[in-house]
Amino acid sequence: MERKFLKDELGLSDDVITKVLKANGEDIERVEAKATASNTERDNLQTQLNERDQQLKDLKKHQHLSWLQPKYLFFFWKQIPFFLQ
């Protein structure tokens, strides 16, 4: 919004133009603050997503070690006496 447009086209007084521009500036600052907060949140979420993607890749690399999970180890541990006989 320009002062010239408000004065020439709309015929507003200088006092009114100053108030309008001040209110407009405050609105713009408020929207920019919200946009910055949203961008920061988006960046944080993107970082978390990238970390999860990396964790999934790491899990897929070590999928062959699934027998080391506690539920499987417990099963093998129970079978040890059988093998010792």
N, C-alpha and C. Protein backbone atom coordinates (compact mmCIF):
# COMPACT_ATOMS: atom_id res chain seq x y z
N MET A 1 0.85 -1.16 0.00
CA MET A 1 0.00 0.00 0.00
C MET A 1 0.90 1.23 0.00
N GLU A 2 0.57 2.18 -0.85
CA GLU A 2 1.39 3.38 -0.96
C GLU A 2 0.60 4.60 -0.52
N ARG A 3 1.32 5.52 0.06
CA ARG A 3 0.73 6.77 0.55
C ARG A 3 0.08 7.55 -0.61
N LYS A 4 0.76 7.57 -1.77
CA LYS A 4 0.25 8.32 -2.92
C LYS A 4 -1.12 7.78 -3.36
N PHE A 5 -1.25 6.43 -3.41
CA PHE A 5 -2.52 5.82 -3.81
C PHE A 5 -3.63 6.20 -2.82
N LEU A 6 -3.34 6.12 -1.54
CA LEU A 6 -4.35 6.43 -0.54
C LEU A 6 -4.79 7.90 -0.61
N LYS A 7 -3.84 8.77 -0.90
CA LYS A 7 -4.17 10.20 -0.93
C LYS A 7 -4.85 10.60 -2.25
N ASP A 8 -4.25 10.23 -3.37
CA ASP A 8 -4.76 10.66 -4.67
C ASP A 8 -6.01 9.90 -5.10
N GLU A 9 -5.97 8.59 -5.00
CA GLU A 9 -7.08 7.78 -5.50
C GLU A 9 -8.26 7.73 -4.53
N LEU A 10 -7.96 7.59 -3.24
CA LEU A 10 -9.03 7.45 -2.26
C LEU A 10 -9.38 8.76 -1.55
N GLY A 11 -8.53 9.76 -1.68
CA GLY A 11 -8.79 11.07 -1.09
C GLY A 11 -8.72 11.09 0.43
N LEU A 12 -7.88 10.25 1.02
CA LEU A 12 -7.76 10.20 2.47
C LEU A 12 -6.82 11.30 2.96
N SER A 13 -7.04 11.77 4.17
CA SER A 13 -6.17 12.80 4.77
C SER A 13 -4.87 12.16 5.26
N ASP A 14 -3.85 12.99 5.47
CA ASP A 14 -2.55 12.48 5.91
C ASP A 14 -2.64 11.76 7.24
N ASP A 15 -3.47 12.25 8.15
CA ASP A 15 -3.63 11.62 9.46
C ASP A 15 -4.22 10.21 9.32
N VAL A 16 -5.22 10.09 8.49
CA VAL A 16 -5.86 8.79 8.27
C VAL A 16 -4.90 7.85 7.55
N ILE A 17 -4.16 8.39 6.59
CA ILE A 17 -3.20 7.56 5.85
C ILE A 17 -2.14 7.00 6.80
N THR A 18 -1.66 7.83 7.71
CA THR A 18 -0.66 7.38 8.68
C THR A 18 -1.20 6.26 9.55
N LYS A 19 -2.44 6.38 10.00
CA LYS A 19 -3.05 5.33 10.82
C LYS A 19 -3.25 4.04 10.03
N VAL A 20 -3.68 4.18 8.78
CA VAL A 20 -3.90 3.00 7.94
C VAL A 20 -2.59 2.27 7.68
N LEU A 21 -1.54 3.03 7.35
CA LEU A 21 -0.25 2.41 7.08
C LEU A 21 0.33 1.76 8.33
N LYS A 22 0.13 2.39 9.49
CA LYS A 22 0.61 1.82 10.74
C LYS A 22 -0.11 0.49 11.03
N ALA A 23 -1.43 0.47 10.88
CA ALA A 23 -2.20 -0.76 11.10
C ALA A 23 -1.79 -1.84 10.10
N ASN A 24 -1.57 -1.42 8.86
CA ASN A 24 -1.15 -2.38 7.84
C ASN A 24 0.22 -2.96 8.18
N GLY A 25 1.13 -2.13 8.63
CA GLY A 25 2.46 -2.59 9.02
C GLY A 25 2.39 -3.58 10.18
N GLU A 26 1.55 -3.33 11.16
CA GLU A 26 1.38 -4.25 12.29
C GLU A 26 0.82 -5.59 11.83
N ASP A 27 -0.14 -5.52 10.90
CA ASP A 27 -0.71 -6.77 10.36
C ASP A 27 0.35 -7.59 9.63
N ILE A 28 1.17 -6.90 8.86
CA ILE A 28 2.21 -7.58 8.11
C ILE A 28 3.22 -8.23 9.06
N GLU A 29 3.61 -7.50 10.12
CA GLU A 29 4.55 -8.06 11.09
C GLU A 29 3.97 -9.29 11.78
N ARG A 30 2.69 -9.25 12.11
CA ARG A 30 2.04 -10.39 12.77
C ARG A 30 2.02 -11.62 11.85
N VAL A 31 1.71 -11.40 10.59
CA VAL A 31 1.66 -12.51 9.63
C VAL A 31 3.06 -13.06 9.38
N GLU A 32 4.06 -12.18 9.30
CA GLU A 32 5.43 -12.63 9.10
C GLU A 32 5.92 -13.46 10.30
N ALA A 33 5.52 -13.05 11.51
CA ALA A 33 5.90 -13.81 12.70
C ALA A 33 5.29 -15.21 12.67
N LYS A 34 4.01 -15.29 12.27
CA LYS A 34 3.37 -16.60 12.16
C LYS A 34 4.04 -17.45 11.08
N ALA A 35 4.40 -16.83 9.98
CA ALA A 35 5.06 -17.56 8.89
C ALA A 35 6.42 -18.08 9.35
N THR A 36 7.15 -17.27 10.09
CA THR A 36 8.45 -17.70 10.60
C THR A 36 8.30 -18.87 11.56
N ALA A 37 7.31 -18.78 12.44
CA ALA A 37 7.07 -19.88 13.38
C ALA A 37 6.68 -21.16 12.63
N SER A 38 5.85 -21.01 11.63
CA SER A 38 5.43 -22.18 10.83
C SER A 38 6.62 -22.78 10.09
N ASN A 39 7.47 -21.94 9.55
CA ASN A 39 8.65 -22.44 8.84
C ASN A 39 9.60 -23.16 9.78
N THR A 40 9.76 -22.63 10.99
CA THR A 40 10.61 -23.29 11.98
C THR A 40 10.04 -24.65 12.35
N GLU A 41 8.74 -24.71 12.58
CA GLU A 41 8.10 -25.98 12.91
C GLU A 41 8.24 -26.98 11.76
N ARG A 42 8.05 -26.49 10.54
CA ARG A 42 8.21 -27.35 9.37
C ARG A 42 9.62 -27.91 9.28
N ASP A 43 10.62 -27.06 9.51
CA ASP A 43 12.01 -27.50 9.46
C ASP A 43 12.30 -28.54 10.53
N ASN A 44 11.76 -28.33 11.73
CA ASN A 44 11.95 -29.31 12.81
C ASN A 44 11.31 -30.65 12.45
N LEU A 45 10.12 -30.60 11.89
CA LEU A 45 9.43 -31.83 11.51
C LEU A 45 10.17 -32.54 10.37
N GLN A 46 10.72 -31.76 9.45
CA GLN A 46 11.48 -32.36 8.35
C GLN A 46 12.73 -33.04 8.88
N THR A 47 13.38 -32.42 9.87
CA THR A 47 14.56 -33.02 10.48
C THR A 47 14.19 -34.34 11.16
N GLN A 48 13.09 -34.35 11.88
CA GLN A 48 12.63 -35.57 12.54
C GLN A 48 12.32 -36.66 11.52
N LEU A 49 11.69 -36.27 10.43
CA LEU A 49 11.36 -37.23 9.38
C LEU A 49 12.63 -37.81 8.75
N ASN A 50 13.62 -36.97 8.52
CA ASN A 50 14.88 -37.46 7.96
C ASN A 50 15.57 -38.42 8.93
N GLU A 51 15.50 -38.11 10.23
CA GLU A 51 16.09 -39.02 11.22
C GLU A 51 15.38 -40.37 11.22
N ARG A 52 14.06 -40.37 11.12
CA ARG A 52 13.30 -41.62 11.09
C ARG A 52 13.62 -42.41 9.83
N ASP A 53 13.76 -41.70 8.71
CA ASP A 53 14.13 -42.39 7.46
C ASP A 53 15.47 -43.08 7.61
N GLN A 54 16.43 -42.38 8.24
CA GLN A 54 17.75 -42.97 8.45
C GLN A 54 17.66 -44.17 9.38
N GLN A 55 16.85 -44.08 10.42
CA GLN A 55 16.67 -45.20 11.33
C GLN A 55 16.08 -46.41 10.61
N LEU A 56 15.12 -46.17 9.74
CA LEU A 56 14.53 -47.27 8.97
C LEU A 56 15.56 -47.91 8.05
N LYS A 57 16.39 -47.10 7.42
CA LYS A 57 17.45 -47.64 6.56
C LYS A 57 18.41 -48.49 7.37
N ASP A 58 18.76 -47.99 8.56
CA ASP A 58 19.67 -48.76 9.42
C ASP A 58 19.03 -50.08 9.85
N LEU A 59 17.74 -50.05 10.17
CA LEU A 59 17.06 -51.29 10.55
C LEU A 59 17.03 -52.29 9.40
N LYS A 60 16.82 -51.80 8.20
CA LYS A 60 16.80 -52.70 7.05
C LYS A 60 18.17 -53.31 6.80
N LYS A 61 19.22 -52.55 7.07
CA LYS A 61 20.57 -53.08 6.92
C LYS A 61 20.83 -54.22 7.90
N HIS A 62 20.26 -54.11 9.09
CA HIS A 62 20.51 -55.09 10.15
C HIS A 62 19.34 -56.06 10.35
N GLN A 63 18.53 -56.19 9.35
CA GLN A 63 17.36 -57.06 9.46
C GLN A 63 17.76 -58.52 9.67
N HIS A 64 18.89 -58.92 9.17
CA HIS A 64 19.35 -60.30 9.32
C HIS A 64 19.66 -60.63 10.78
N LEU A 65 19.76 -59.64 11.64
CA LEU A 65 20.03 -59.87 13.06
C LEU A 65 18.75 -59.94 13.88
N SER A 66 17.63 -60.16 13.23
CA SER A 66 16.35 -60.17 13.94
C SER A 66 16.27 -61.28 14.99
N TRP A 67 17.04 -62.33 14.83
CA TRP A 67 16.99 -63.42 15.81
C TRP A 67 17.54 -62.98 17.16
N LEU A 68 18.21 -61.83 17.22
CA LEU A 68 18.74 -61.33 18.49
C LEU A 68 17.69 -60.59 19.32
N GLN A 69 16.50 -60.48 18.79
CA GLN A 69 15.44 -59.83 19.56
C GLN A 69 15.15 -60.67 20.81
N PRO A 70 14.78 -60.03 21.91
CA PRO A 70 14.58 -60.75 23.18
C PRO A 70 13.61 -61.92 23.08
N LYS A 71 12.55 -61.80 22.32
CA LYS A 71 11.59 -62.91 22.26
C LYS A 71 12.22 -64.15 21.64
N TYR A 72 13.12 -63.96 20.68
CA TYR A 72 13.78 -65.11 20.07
C TYR A 72 14.88 -65.65 20.97
N LEU A 73 15.60 -64.75 21.63
CA LEU A 73 16.65 -65.21 22.54
C LEU A 73 16.06 -66.04 23.67
N PHE A 74 14.90 -65.65 24.16
CA PHE A 74 14.24 -66.41 25.21
C PHE A 74 13.92 -67.82 24.72
N PHE A 75 13.43 -67.94 23.50
CA PHE A 75 13.13 -69.25 22.93
C PHE A 75 14.39 -70.11 22.85
N PHE A 76 15.48 -69.54 22.35
CA PHE A 76 16.72 -70.30 22.24
C PHE A 76 17.28 -70.67 23.62
N TRP A 77 17.15 -69.76 24.56
CA TRP A 77 17.63 -70.03 25.91
C TRP A 77 16.88 -71.21 26.53
N LYS A 78 15.59 -71.29 26.28
CA LYS A 78 14.79 -72.42 26.80
C LYS A 78 15.22 -73.73 26.16
N GLN A 79 15.77 -73.70 24.95
CA GLN A 79 16.14 -74.91 24.24
C GLN A 79 17.53 -75.42 24.61
N ILE A 80 18.31 -74.65 25.30
CA ILE A 80 19.68 -75.06 25.64
C ILE A 80 19.72 -76.39 26.39
N PRO A 81 18.89 -76.61 27.42
CA PRO A 81 18.95 -77.92 28.09
C PRO A 81 18.71 -79.09 27.14
N PHE A 82 17.88 -78.91 26.17
CA PHE A 82 17.61 -79.97 25.19
C PHE A 82 18.87 -80.32 24.43
N PHE A 83 19.63 -79.32 24.04
CA PHE A 83 20.84 -79.57 23.28
C PHE A 83 21.96 -80.14 24.12
N LEU A 84 21.92 -79.94 25.42
CA LEU A 84 22.97 -80.43 26.30
C LEU A 84 22.78 -81.90 26.68
N GLN A 85 21.67 -82.44 26.40
CA GLN A 85 21.42 -83.84 26.78
C GLN A 85 22.13 -84.81 25.90
